PDB file of N, CA and C in Angstrom:
ATOM      1  N   UNK A   1       1.486  -1.209   0.113  1.00  0.00           N
ATOM      2  CA  UNK A   1      -0.110  -0.200  -0.384  1.00  0.00           C
ATOM      3  C   UNK A   1       0.828   0.995   0.229  1.00  0.00           C
ATOM      4  N   UNK A   2       0.655   1.780  -0.863  1.00  0.00           N
ATOM      5  CA  UNK A   2       1.166   3.031  -1.339  1.00  0.00           C
ATOM      6  C   UNK A   2       0.556   4.503   0.393  1.00  0.00           C
ATOM      7  N   UNK A   3       1.827   4.741   0.624  1.00  0.00           N
ATOM      8  CA  UNK A   3       1.444   5.949   1.470  1.00  0.00           C
ATOM      9  C   UNK A   3       1.931   7.040   1.003  1.00  0.00           C
ATOM     10  N   UNK A   4       0.436   8.366   0.733  1.00  0.00           N
ATOM     11  CA  UNK A   4       0.690  10.291   0.397  1.00  0.00           C
ATOM     12  C   UNK A   4       1.649  10.780   1.186  1.00  0.00           C
ATOM     13  N   UNK A   5       2.799  11.242   0.861  1.00  0.00           N
ATOM     14  CA  UNK A   5       3.246  12.100   2.003  1.00  0.00           C
ATOM     15  C   UNK A   5       2.375  13.850   1.835  1.00  0.00           C
ATOM     16  N   UNK A   6       2.485  13.577   3.082  1.00  0.00           N
ATOM     17  CA  UNK A   6       1.346  14.832   3.520  1.00  0.00           C
ATOM     18  C   UNK A   6       2.360  15.797   3.854  1.00  0.00           C
ATOM     19  N   UNK A   7       2.217  17.215   2.969  1.00  0.00           N
ATOM     20  CA  UNK A   7       3.518  18.438   3.723  1.00  0.00           C
ATOM     21  C   UNK A   7       2.783  18.815   5.274  1.00  0.00           C
ATOM     22  N   UNK A   8       4.240  19.027   5.710  1.00  0.00           N
ATOM     23  CA  UNK A   8       3.450  19.058   7.704  1.00  0.00           C
ATOM     24  C   UNK A   8       3.793  20.573   7.486  1.00  0.00           C
ATOM     25  N   UNK A   9       3.127  20.655   9.159  1.00  0.00           N
ATOM     26  CA  UNK A   9       3.136  22.349   8.932  1.00  0.00           C
ATOM     27  C   UNK A   9       4.425  23.094   9.094  1.00  0.00           C
ATOM     28  N   UNK A  10       5.747  21.861   9.536  1.00  0.00           N
ATOM     29  CA  UNK A  10       6.763  22.398   9.816  1.00  0.00           C
ATOM     30  C   UNK A  10       7.721  22.887   8.079  1.00  0.00           C
ATOM     31  N   UNK A  11       6.759  21.932   7.197  1.00  0.00           N
ATOM     32  CA  UNK A  11       7.751  22.031   6.106  1.00  0.00           C
ATOM     33  C   UNK A  11       7.138  23.518   5.815  1.00  0.00           C
ATOM     34  N   UNK A  12       6.223  23.624   5.328  1.00  0.00           N
ATOM     35  CA  UNK A  12       5.731  24.891   5.284  1.00  0.00           C
ATOM     36  C   UNK A  12       6.305  26.434   6.309  1.00  0.00           C
ATOM     37  N   UNK A  13       6.672  25.993   7.098  1.00  0.00           N
ATOM     38  CA  UNK A  13       6.827  26.693   8.059  1.00  0.00           C
ATOM     39  C   UNK A  13       8.490  27.363   7.677  1.00  0.00           C
ATOM     40  N   UNK A  14       9.125  26.325   7.582  1.00  0.00           N
ATOM     41  CA  UNK A  14      10.279  26.419   6.852  1.00  0.00           C
ATOM     42  C   UNK A  14      10.391  26.841   5.787  1.00  0.00           C
ATOM     43  N   UNK A  15       9.661  27.066   4.760  1.00  0.00           N
ATOM     44  CA  UNK A  15       9.388  26.674   3.414  1.00  0.00           C
ATOM     45  C   UNK A  15       9.657  28.759   3.219  1.00  0.00           C
ATOM     46  N   UNK A  16       8.649  29.599   3.901  1.00  0.00           N
ATOM     47  CA  UNK A  16       7.829  30.466   4.648  1.00  0.00           C
ATOM     48  C   UNK A  16       9.379  31.359   5.319  1.00  0.00           C
ATOM     49  N   UNK A  17       9.677  30.458   5.808  1.00  0.00           N
ATOM     50  CA  UNK A  17      11.589  31.040   6.533  1.00  0.00           C
ATOM     51  C   UNK A  17      12.002  31.728   6.018  1.00  0.00           C
ATOM     52  N   UNK A  18      12.782  30.209   4.394  1.00  0.00           N
ATOM     53  CA  UNK A  18      13.710  30.108   3.604  1.00  0.00           C
ATOM     54  C   UNK A  18      13.391  32.047   2.463  1.00  0.00           C
ATOM     55  N   UNK A  19      11.935  32.268   2.402  1.00  0.00           N
ATOM     56  CA  UNK A  19      11.484  33.286   1.264  1.00  0.00           C
ATOM     57  C   UNK A  19      12.375  34.297   2.159  1.00  0.00           C
ATOM     58  N   UNK A  20      11.687  34.201   3.759  1.00  0.00           N
ATOM     59  CA  UNK A  20      12.490  35.833   4.252  1.00  0.00           C
ATOM     60  C   UNK A  20      13.284  36.003   4.369  1.00  0.00           C
ATOM     61  N   UNK A  21      13.873  34.917   4.470  1.00  0.00           N
ATOM     62  CA  UNK A  21      15.588  34.731   4.895  1.00  0.00           C
ATOM     63  C   UNK A  21      16.004  35.321   3.280  1.00  0.00           C
ATOM     64  N   UNK A  22      15.652  34.736   1.514  1.00  0.00           N
ATOM     65  CA  UNK A  22      16.256  35.453   1.003  1.00  0.00           C
ATOM     66  C   UNK A  22      15.660  36.885   0.308  1.00  0.00           C
ATOM     67  N   UNK A  23      14.515  37.303   1.066  1.00  0.00           N
ATOM     68  CA  UNK A  23      14.129  38.301   0.959  1.00  0.00           C
ATOM     69  C   UNK A  23      15.056  39.512   2.270  1.00  0.00           C
ATOM     70  N   UNK A  24      15.416  39.151   2.774  1.00  0.00           N
ATOM     71  CA  UNK A  24      16.496  39.934   3.405  1.00  0.00           C
ATOM     72  C   UNK A  24      17.657  39.746   3.534  1.00  0.00           C
ATOM     73  N   UNK A  25      18.178  38.622   2.690  1.00  0.00           N
ATOM     74  CA  UNK A  25      19.861  38.078   1.978  1.00  0.00           C
ATOM     75  C   UNK A  25      20.023  39.353   0.889  1.00  0.00           C
ATOM     76  N   UNK A  26      18.862  40.099  -0.280  1.00  0.00           N
ATOM     77  CA  UNK A  26      18.795  40.726  -0.877  1.00  0.00           C
ATOM     78  C   UNK A  26      18.805  42.080  -1.276  1.00  0.00           C
ATOM     79  N   UNK A  27      17.757  42.031   0.380  1.00  0.00           N
ATOM     80  CA  UNK A  27      17.766  43.187   0.792  1.00  0.00           C
ATOM     81  C   UNK A  27      19.256  44.279   1.448  1.00  0.00           C
ATOM     82  N   UNK A  28      20.135  42.833   2.105  1.00  0.00           N
ATOM     83  CA  UNK A  28      20.654  42.941   2.278  1.00  0.00           C
ATOM     84  C   UNK A  28      22.243  43.794   0.945  1.00  0.00           C
ATOM     85  N   UNK A  29      22.203  43.320   0.639  1.00  0.00           N
ATOM     86  CA  UNK A  29      23.105  42.902  -0.788  1.00  0.00           C
ATOM     87  C   UNK A  29      22.951  44.046  -1.109  1.00  0.00           C
ATOM     88  N   UNK A  30      21.399  44.414  -1.822  1.00  0.00           N
ATOM     89  CA  UNK A  30      21.367  45.928  -2.498  1.00  0.00           C
ATOM     90  C   UNK A  30      22.177  46.855  -1.566  1.00  0.00           C
ATOM     91  N   UNK A  31      22.054  46.803  -0.323  1.00  0.00           N
ATOM     92  CA  UNK A  31      22.041  47.773   1.121  1.00  0.00           C
ATOM     93  C   UNK A  31      23.641  47.645   0.620  1.00  0.00           C
ATOM     94  N   UNK A  32      24.202  46.635   1.038  1.00  0.00           N
ATOM     95  CA  UNK A  32      25.733  47.074   0.423  1.00  0.00           C
ATOM     96  C   UNK A  32      26.342  46.791  -0.504  1.00  0.00           C
ATOM     97  N   UNK A  33      25.756  46.976  -1.829  1.00  0.00           N
ATOM     98  CA  UNK A  33      26.314  47.012  -2.870  1.00  0.00           C
ATOM     99  C   UNK A  33      25.808  48.843  -2.579  1.00  0.00           C
ATOM    100  N   UNK A  34      24.982  49.592  -2.274  1.00  0.00           N
ATOM    101  CA  UNK A  34      24.876  51.059  -2.796  1.00  0.00           C
ATOM    102  C   UNK A  34      26.032  51.926  -0.954  1.00  0.00           C
ATOM    103  N   UNK A  35      25.466  51.060  -0.125  1.00  0.00           N
ATOM    104  CA  UNK A  35      26.894  51.582   0.988  1.00  0.00           C
ATOM    105  C   UNK A  35      28.713  51.460   0.118  1.00  0.00           C
ATOM    106  N   UNK A  36      29.094  50.716  -1.104  1.00  0.00           N
ATOM    107  CA  UNK A  36      30.572  51.063  -1.453  1.00  0.00           C
ATOM    108  C   UNK A  36      30.752  51.715  -2.478  1.00  0.00           C
ATOM    109  N   UNK A  37      29.075  52.249  -3.305  1.00  0.00           N
ATOM    110  CA  UNK A  37      29.469  53.139  -3.911  1.00  0.00           C
ATOM    111  C   UNK A  37      29.401  54.207  -3.323  1.00  0.00           C
ATOM    112  N   UNK A  38      28.961  54.769  -2.352  1.00  0.00           N
ATOM    113  CA  UNK A  38      29.234  55.603  -1.436  1.00  0.00           C
ATOM    114  C   UNK A  38      30.536  55.933  -1.149  1.00  0.00           C
ATOM    115  N   UNK A  39      30.911  55.185  -0.500  1.00  0.00           N
ATOM    116  CA  UNK A  39      32.681  54.672  -0.032  1.00  0.00           C
ATOM    117  C   UNK A  39      33.427  55.034  -1.040  1.00  0.00           C
ATOM    118  N   UNK A  40      33.391  54.541  -2.506  1.00  0.00           N
ATOM    119  CA  UNK A  40      34.160  55.147  -3.597  1.00  0.00           C
ATOM    120  C   UNK A  40      33.463  56.623  -3.624  1.00  0.00           C
ATOM    121  N   UNK A  41      32.357  57.417  -3.265  1.00  0.00           N
ATOM    122  CA  UNK A  41      31.948  58.374  -3.616  1.00  0.00           C
ATOM    123  C   UNK A  41      33.178  59.244  -2.733  1.00  0.00           C
ATOM    124  N   UNK A  42      33.055  59.223  -1.440  1.00  0.00           N
ATOM    125  CA  UNK A  42      33.662  59.411  -0.837  1.00  0.00           C
ATOM    126  C   UNK A  42      35.649  59.806  -0.961  1.00  0.00           C
ATOM    127  N   UNK A  43      35.711  58.376  -1.216  1.00  0.00           N
ATOM    128  CA  UNK A  43      37.118  58.318  -0.926  1.00  0.00           C
ATOM    129  C   UNK A  43      37.825  59.545  -2.378  1.00  0.00           C
ATOM    130  N   UNK A  44      36.731  59.650  -3.380  1.00  0.00           N
ATOM    131  CA  UNK A  44      36.882  60.428  -4.468  1.00  0.00           C
ATOM    132  C   UNK A  44      37.122  61.764  -4.042  1.00  0.00           C
ATOM    133  N   UNK A  45      36.407  61.667  -3.539  1.00  0.00           N
ATOM    134  CA  UNK A  45      35.944  63.430  -2.684  1.00  0.00           C
ATOM    135  C   UNK A  45      37.198  63.974  -1.785  1.00  0.00           C
ATOM    136  N   UNK A  46      37.499  62.747  -1.312  1.00  0.00           N
ATOM    137  CA  UNK A  46      38.897  62.694  -0.319  1.00  0.00           C
ATOM    138  C   UNK A  46      40.164  63.306  -0.498  1.00  0.00           C
ATOM    139  N   UNK A  47      40.391  62.202  -2.230  1.00  0.00           N
ATOM    140  CA  UNK A  47      41.403  62.488  -2.582  1.00  0.00           C
ATOM    141  C   UNK A  47      41.656  63.654  -3.170  1.00  0.00           C
ATOM    142  N   UNK A  48      40.103  64.900  -3.811  1.00  0.00           N
ATOM    143  CA  UNK A  48      40.404  66.354  -4.028  1.00  0.00           C
ATOM    144  C   UNK A  48      40.581  66.967  -3.288  1.00  0.00           C
ATOM    145  N   UNK A  49      39.736  66.350  -2.154  1.00  0.00           N
ATOM    146  CA  UNK A  49      40.081  67.788  -1.038  1.00  0.00           C
ATOM    147  C   UNK A  49      41.667  67.324  -0.332  1.00  0.00           C
ATOM    148  N   UNK A  50      42.169  66.489  -0.724  1.00  0.00           N
ATOM    149  CA  UNK A  50      43.739  66.013  -0.164  1.00  0.00           C
ATOM    150  C   UNK A  50      44.380  67.535  -1.633  1.00  0.00           C
ATOM    151  N   UNK A  51      44.197  67.092  -2.066  1.00  0.00           N
ATOM    152  CA  UNK A  51      44.946  68.008  -3.605  1.00  0.00           C
ATOM    153  C   UNK A  51      44.894  69.442  -3.660  1.00  0.00           C
ATOM    154  N   UNK A  52      43.710  69.411  -3.090  1.00  0.00           N
ATOM    155  CA  UNK A  52      43.035  71.565  -3.054  1.00  0.00           C
ATOM    156  C   UNK A  52      43.662  71.319  -1.485  1.00  0.00           C
ATOM    157  N   UNK A  53      44.361  71.594  -1.440  1.00  0.00           N
ATOM    158  CA  UNK A  53      45.590  71.834   0.306  1.00  0.00           C
ATOM    159  C   UNK A  53      46.061  71.984   0.176  1.00  0.00           C
ATOM    160  N   UNK A  54      47.099  70.540  -1.215  1.00  0.00           N
ATOM    161  CA  UNK A  54      48.518  70.840  -1.173  1.00  0.00           C
ATOM    162  C   UNK A  54      48.583  72.191  -2.213  1.00  0.00           C
ATOM    163  N   UNK A  55      47.797  72.051  -2.643  1.00  0.00           N
ATOM    164  CA  UNK A  55      48.015  73.058  -3.590  1.00  0.00           C
ATOM    165  C   UNK A  55      48.044  74.622  -2.964  1.00  0.00           C
ATOM    166  N   UNK A  56      46.852  74.712  -2.011  1.00  0.00           N
ATOM    167  CA  UNK A  56      47.199  76.146  -1.012  1.00  0.00           C
ATOM    168  C   UNK A  56      48.459  76.000  -0.831  1.00  0.00           C
ATOM    169  N   UNK A  57      49.272  75.156  -0.182  1.00  0.00           N
ATOM    170  CA  UNK A  57      49.562  75.408   0.302  1.00  0.00           C
ATOM    171  C   UNK A  57      51.319  75.604   0.368  1.00  0.00           C
ATOM    172  N   UNK A  58      51.083  75.038  -1.330  1.00  0.00           N
ATOM    173  CA  UNK A  58      52.279  75.474  -2.445  1.00  0.00           C
ATOM    174  C   UNK A  58      52.124  76.800  -2.971  1.00  0.00           C
ATOM    175  N   UNK A  59      50.570  77.206  -3.506  1.00  0.00           N
ATOM    176  CA  UNK A  59      50.671  78.593  -3.421  1.00  0.00           C
ATOM    177  C   UNK A  59      51.388  79.907  -2.595  1.00  0.00           C
ATOM    178  N   UNK A  60      50.689  79.596  -1.139  1.00  0.00           N
ATOM    179  CA  UNK A  60      50.862  80.041  -0.136  1.00  0.00           C
ATOM    180  C   UNK A  60      52.696  80.086   0.772  1.00  0.00           C
ATOM    181  N   UNK A  61      53.182  78.746  -0.334  1.00  0.00           N
ATOM    182  CA  UNK A  61      54.765  79.012   0.294  1.00  0.00           C
ATOM    183  C   UNK A  61      54.936  80.002  -0.313  1.00  0.00           C
ATOM    184  N   UNK A  62      54.724  79.848  -1.816  1.00  0.00           N
ATOM    185  CA  UNK A  62      54.790  80.935  -3.026  1.00  0.00           C
ATOM    186  C   UNK A  62      54.968  82.747  -2.418  1.00  0.00           C
ATOM    187  N   UNK A  63      53.598  82.722  -2.269  1.00  0.00           N
ATOM    188  CA  UNK A  63      53.605  83.647  -2.176  1.00  0.00           C
ATOM    189  C   UNK A  63      54.793  84.336  -0.792  1.00  0.00           C
ATOM    190  N   UNK A  64      54.570  83.325   0.345  1.00  0.00           N
ATOM    191  CA  UNK A  64      55.453  83.790   1.439  1.00  0.00           C
ATOM    192  C   UNK A  64      56.360  84.071   0.916  1.00  0.00           C
ATOM    193  N   UNK A  65      57.398  83.285  -0.118  1.00  0.00           N
ATOM    194  CA  UNK A  65      58.229  83.156   0.216  1.00  0.00           C
ATOM    195  C   UNK A  65      59.141  84.548  -0.985  1.00  0.00           C
ATOM    196  N   UNK A  66      57.415  85.305  -1.863  1.00  0.00           N
ATOM    197  CA  UNK A  66      58.223  86.473  -3.156  1.00  0.00           C
ATOM    198  C   UNK A  66      58.172  87.433  -1.272  1.00  0.00           C
ATOM    199  N   UNK A  67      56.865  87.559  -0.573  1.00  0.00           N
ATOM    200  CA  UNK A  67      56.460  88.481   0.234  1.00  0.00           C
ATOM    201  C   UNK A  67      58.142  88.262   0.877  1.00  0.00           C
ATOM    202  N   UNK A  68      58.824  87.761   1.805  1.00  0.00           N
ATOM    203  CA  UNK A  68      59.782  87.668   1.936  1.00  0.00           C
ATOM    204  C   UNK A  68      60.913  87.854   1.986  1.00  0.00           C
ATOM    205  N   UNK A  69      60.768  87.783   0.002  1.00  0.00           N
ATOM    206  CA  UNK A  69      62.397  88.666  -0.889  1.00  0.00           C
ATOM    207  C   UNK A  69      62.032  89.657  -0.487  1.00  0.00           C
ATOM    208  N   UNK A  70      60.929  90.531  -0.750  1.00  0.00           N
ATOM    209  CA  UNK A  70      60.011  91.681  -1.055  1.00  0.00           C
ATOM    210  C   UNK A  70      60.550  92.297   0.282  1.00  0.00           C
ATOM    211  N   UNK A  71      60.785  91.970   1.347  1.00  0.00           N
ATOM    212  CA  UNK A  71      61.172  93.117   2.377  1.00  0.00           C
ATOM    213  C   UNK A  71      62.460  92.797   2.557  1.00  0.00           C
ATOM    214  N   UNK A  72      62.910  91.424   2.461  1.00  0.00           N
ATOM    215  CA  UNK A  72      64.588  91.359   2.804  1.00  0.00           C
ATOM    216  C   UNK A  72      65.252  92.377   1.904  1.00  0.00           C
ATOM    217  N   UNK A  73      65.311  92.592   0.483  1.00  0.00           N
ATOM    218  CA  UNK A  73      65.660  93.323  -0.395  1.00  0.00           C
ATOM    219  C   UNK A  73      65.399  94.772  -0.384  1.00  0.00           C
ATOM    220  N   UNK A  74      64.217  95.164   0.639  1.00  0.00           N
ATOM    221  CA  UNK A  74      63.874  96.343   0.978  1.00  0.00           C
ATOM    222  C   UNK A  74      64.571  97.737   1.976  1.00  0.00           C
TER     223      UNK A  74
END
């Protein structure tokens, strides 16, 4: 005599749990990808800021040297 396999409530709850976990994982992966993009943007902004600061320091040094030479030769 063949027995029919009944879907138990445990398997139904397990499949619902798996579906919920899959949705959470896809949401987490999407969020992590967005964060990676934000971090890359912040990294490029920081590099631009470092370049601007270096430029200001060099220009300030040149202006300071010129002012110093003008005061020295007067």
